[in-house]
Amino acid sequence: MGRFLVGAIAVVVGLFVVGAIASWVFHALFSILGYLILGALVVGGGMWLYGRAKRGLGSTRNQNRIEAGLSTWRQRNR
C-alpha cells in the first residue's frame, strides 16, 4: 500500500510540474505571438497612413498631368 501511495503522489506531482512548465511555455509563446501581431499591425498601419498622406499630397508633375488630361477631355466633350 505504501508503494502505491508514493507512486500515485509522484504521478500527481509530475503531472503538476509538467502542466506548470507547459503553461509557462504556452504563455511565453502566445505573448511573443501577440507582440508580433501588434507590431505588424502598427508597422502596416504606419505604412498605410504614409502611403495615403503621400498620395494625398501628390506631386506637381502628377497634378499637372491630371489637369492636362482633364483639359483635353473637356475640349473633346463640349
N, C-alpha and C. Protein backbone atom coordinates (compact mmCIF):
# COMPACT_ATOMS: atom_id res chain seq x y z
N MET A 1 0.83 -1.19 0.00
CA MET A 1 0.00 0.00 0.00
C MET A 1 0.86 1.25 0.00
N GLY A 2 2.02 1.21 0.68
CA GLY A 2 2.89 2.38 0.77
C GLY A 2 3.50 2.75 -0.57
N ARG A 3 3.89 1.71 -1.37
CA ARG A 3 4.49 1.99 -2.68
C ARG A 3 3.45 2.59 -3.62
N PHE A 4 2.23 2.09 -3.57
CA PHE A 4 1.16 2.63 -4.41
C PHE A 4 0.92 4.10 -4.09
N LEU A 5 0.86 4.44 -2.81
CA LEU A 5 0.62 5.82 -2.39
C LEU A 5 1.75 6.73 -2.84
N VAL A 6 2.99 6.29 -2.68
CA VAL A 6 4.14 7.09 -3.10
C VAL A 6 4.14 7.24 -4.62
N GLY A 7 3.82 6.16 -5.35
CA GLY A 7 3.75 6.22 -6.81
C GLY A 7 2.66 7.15 -7.29
N ALA A 8 1.49 7.10 -6.65
CA ALA A 8 0.38 7.97 -7.03
C ALA A 8 0.73 9.43 -6.77
N ILE A 9 1.34 9.69 -5.64
CA ILE A 9 1.75 11.07 -5.33
C ILE A 9 2.81 11.55 -6.32
N ALA A 10 3.74 10.66 -6.70
CA ALA A 10 4.78 11.02 -7.67
C ALA A 10 4.16 11.35 -9.03
N VAL A 11 3.15 10.58 -9.44
CA VAL A 11 2.48 10.85 -10.71
C VAL A 11 1.76 12.20 -10.67
N VAL A 12 1.06 12.48 -9.57
CA VAL A 12 0.33 13.75 -9.43
C VAL A 12 1.30 14.92 -9.44
N VAL A 13 2.39 14.81 -8.69
CA VAL A 13 3.39 15.88 -8.65
C VAL A 13 4.03 16.05 -10.02
N GLY A 14 4.34 14.94 -10.70
CA GLY A 14 4.92 15.01 -12.04
C GLY A 14 3.99 15.69 -13.02
N LEU A 15 2.71 15.32 -12.98
CA LEU A 15 1.73 15.98 -13.86
C LEU A 15 1.62 17.47 -13.56
N PHE A 16 1.66 17.82 -12.28
CA PHE A 16 1.60 19.22 -11.90
C PHE A 16 2.79 19.99 -12.45
N VAL A 17 3.99 19.43 -12.31
CA VAL A 17 5.21 20.09 -12.79
C VAL A 17 5.18 20.24 -14.31
N VAL A 18 4.81 19.16 -15.00
CA VAL A 18 4.73 19.22 -16.46
C VAL A 18 3.67 20.23 -16.90
N GLY A 19 2.54 20.26 -16.22
CA GLY A 19 1.49 21.23 -16.55
C GLY A 19 1.95 22.66 -16.32
N ALA A 20 2.67 22.89 -15.22
CA ALA A 20 3.16 24.23 -14.93
C ALA A 20 4.16 24.68 -15.99
N ILE A 21 5.06 23.77 -16.38
CA ILE A 21 6.05 24.13 -17.41
C ILE A 21 5.35 24.38 -18.75
N ALA A 22 4.41 23.53 -19.10
CA ALA A 22 3.67 23.71 -20.36
C ALA A 22 2.90 25.02 -20.35
N SER A 23 2.29 25.34 -19.22
CA SER A 23 1.56 26.60 -19.11
C SER A 23 2.49 27.79 -19.29
N TRP A 24 3.67 27.73 -18.68
CA TRP A 24 4.64 28.82 -18.81
C TRP A 24 5.11 28.96 -20.25
N VAL A 25 5.38 27.83 -20.92
CA VAL A 25 5.86 27.86 -22.31
C VAL A 25 4.78 28.42 -23.23
N PHE A 26 3.54 27.94 -23.08
CA PHE A 26 2.46 28.44 -23.93
C PHE A 26 2.22 29.92 -23.69
N HIS A 27 2.27 30.34 -22.46
CA HIS A 27 2.09 31.76 -22.15
C HIS A 27 3.18 32.60 -22.82
N ALA A 28 4.42 32.13 -22.75
CA ALA A 28 5.53 32.86 -23.37
C ALA A 28 5.36 32.91 -24.90
N LEU A 29 4.99 31.78 -25.49
CA LEU A 29 4.82 31.74 -26.95
C LEU A 29 3.68 32.63 -27.42
N PHE A 30 2.56 32.56 -26.71
CA PHE A 30 1.42 33.39 -27.11
C PHE A 30 1.68 34.86 -26.85
N SER A 31 2.47 35.19 -25.83
CA SER A 31 2.83 36.58 -25.60
C SER A 31 3.70 37.10 -26.73
N ILE A 32 4.68 36.28 -27.13
CA ILE A 32 5.53 36.68 -28.25
C ILE A 32 4.71 36.82 -29.52
N LEU A 33 3.82 35.87 -29.77
CA LEU A 33 2.97 35.93 -30.94
C LEU A 33 2.09 37.18 -30.91
N GLY A 34 1.55 37.50 -29.75
CA GLY A 34 0.74 38.71 -29.61
C GLY A 34 1.53 39.97 -29.91
N TYR A 35 2.77 40.03 -29.39
CA TYR A 35 3.60 41.20 -29.67
C TYR A 35 3.96 41.29 -31.14
N LEU A 36 4.20 40.15 -31.79
CA LEU A 36 4.50 40.17 -33.22
C LEU A 36 3.30 40.67 -34.04
N ILE A 37 2.12 40.20 -33.68
CA ILE A 37 0.91 40.65 -34.38
C ILE A 37 0.69 42.14 -34.15
N LEU A 38 0.84 42.59 -32.92
CA LEU A 38 0.67 44.00 -32.62
C LEU A 38 1.69 44.85 -33.37
N GLY A 39 2.94 44.40 -33.39
CA GLY A 39 3.98 45.13 -34.13
C GLY A 39 3.68 45.18 -35.62
N ALA A 40 3.21 44.07 -36.18
CA ALA A 40 2.87 44.04 -37.61
C ALA A 40 1.72 44.99 -37.91
N LEU A 41 0.74 45.04 -37.02
CA LEU A 41 -0.39 45.97 -37.22
C LEU A 41 0.07 47.42 -37.16
N VAL A 42 0.95 47.73 -36.22
CA VAL A 42 1.43 49.10 -36.08
C VAL A 42 2.26 49.50 -37.31
N VAL A 43 3.17 48.63 -37.73
CA VAL A 43 4.01 48.94 -38.89
C VAL A 43 3.16 49.03 -40.15
N GLY A 44 2.26 48.07 -40.34
CA GLY A 44 1.38 48.09 -41.51
C GLY A 44 0.48 49.32 -41.53
N GLY A 45 -0.05 49.69 -40.38
CA GLY A 45 -0.88 50.90 -40.30
C GLY A 45 -0.08 52.15 -40.59
N GLY A 46 1.15 52.19 -40.10
CA GLY A 46 2.02 53.34 -40.39
C GLY A 46 2.33 53.44 -41.86
N MET A 47 2.61 52.30 -42.50
CA MET A 47 2.89 52.32 -43.94
C MET A 47 1.65 52.74 -44.72
N TRP A 48 0.48 52.27 -44.29
CA TRP A 48 -0.76 52.64 -44.97
C TRP A 48 -1.01 54.14 -44.84
N LEU A 49 -0.83 54.67 -43.61
CA LEU A 49 -1.04 56.11 -43.42
C LEU A 49 -0.03 56.93 -44.21
N TYR A 50 1.22 56.47 -44.26
CA TYR A 50 2.24 57.17 -45.03
C TYR A 50 1.87 57.19 -46.52
N GLY A 51 1.42 56.06 -47.03
CA GLY A 51 1.01 55.99 -48.43
C GLY A 51 -0.17 56.89 -48.73
N ARG A 52 -1.14 56.90 -47.81
CA ARG A 52 -2.30 57.78 -48.02
C ARG A 52 -1.90 59.25 -48.00
N ALA A 53 -1.03 59.62 -47.07
CA ALA A 53 -0.59 61.01 -46.99
C ALA A 53 0.22 61.39 -48.23
N LYS A 54 1.09 60.49 -48.66
CA LYS A 54 1.92 60.77 -49.83
C LYS A 54 1.04 60.90 -51.08
N ARG A 55 0.07 60.01 -51.21
CA ARG A 55 -0.83 60.08 -52.35
C ARG A 55 -1.71 61.32 -52.28
N GLY A 56 -2.09 61.71 -51.05
CA GLY A 56 -2.95 62.89 -50.89
C GLY A 56 -2.24 64.18 -51.25
N LEU A 57 -0.97 64.26 -50.91
CA LEU A 57 -0.22 65.46 -51.25
C LEU A 57 0.00 65.56 -52.75
N GLY A 58 0.34 64.46 -53.36
CA GLY A 58 0.52 64.44 -54.81
C GLY A 58 1.73 65.25 -55.23
N SER A 59 2.33 64.82 -56.30
CA SER A 59 3.46 65.58 -56.81
C SER A 59 2.96 66.59 -57.83
N THR A 60 3.74 67.59 -58.07
CA THR A 60 3.36 68.63 -59.02
C THR A 60 3.25 68.05 -60.42
N ARG A 61 4.15 67.14 -60.76
CA ARG A 61 4.14 66.53 -62.09
C ARG A 61 2.84 65.76 -62.30
N ASN A 62 2.46 64.95 -61.33
CA ASN A 62 1.21 64.20 -61.47
C ASN A 62 0.00 65.11 -61.53
N GLN A 63 0.01 66.14 -60.71
CA GLN A 63 -1.12 67.06 -60.72
C GLN A 63 -1.23 67.76 -62.08
N ASN A 64 -0.08 68.14 -62.65
CA ASN A 64 -0.09 68.77 -63.98
C ASN A 64 -0.61 67.79 -65.03
N ARG A 65 -0.24 66.53 -64.95
CA ARG A 65 -0.72 65.54 -65.90
C ARG A 65 -2.22 65.35 -65.78
N ILE A 66 -2.72 65.33 -64.55
CA ILE A 66 -4.15 65.17 -64.33
C ILE A 66 -4.91 66.36 -64.90
N GLU A 67 -4.42 67.55 -64.64
CA GLU A 67 -5.08 68.76 -65.15
C GLU A 67 -5.03 68.82 -66.67
N ALA A 68 -3.92 68.40 -67.27
CA ALA A 68 -3.82 68.41 -68.73
C ALA A 68 -4.79 67.40 -69.33
N GLY A 69 -4.88 66.22 -68.75
CA GLY A 69 -5.82 65.22 -69.23
C GLY A 69 -7.25 65.68 -69.08
N LEU A 70 -7.57 66.33 -67.98
CA LEU A 70 -8.91 66.85 -67.75
C LEU A 70 -9.24 67.95 -68.74
N SER A 71 -8.26 68.82 -69.03
CA SER A 71 -8.46 69.88 -70.01
C SER A 71 -8.72 69.30 -71.40
N THR A 72 -7.94 68.28 -71.77
CA THR A 72 -8.13 67.64 -73.07
C THR A 72 -9.51 66.99 -73.15
N TRP A 73 -9.92 66.32 -72.08
CA TRP A 73 -11.22 65.67 -72.06
C TRP A 73 -12.35 66.69 -72.20
N ARG A 74 -12.20 67.83 -71.52
CA ARG A 74 -13.22 68.88 -71.61
C ARG A 74 -13.32 69.44 -73.03
N GLN A 75 -12.16 69.62 -73.68
CA GLN A 75 -12.16 70.16 -75.04
C GLN A 75 -12.81 69.18 -76.01
N ARG A 76 -12.61 67.89 -75.83
CA ARG A 76 -13.19 66.89 -76.73
C ARG A 76 -14.68 66.72 -76.49
N ASN A 77 -15.13 66.90 -75.29
CA ASN A 77 -16.52 66.61 -74.94
C ASN A 77 -17.29 67.88 -74.61
N ARG A 78 -17.23 68.85 -75.49
CA ARG A 78 -18.01 70.07 -75.28
C ARG A 78 -19.41 69.91 -75.70
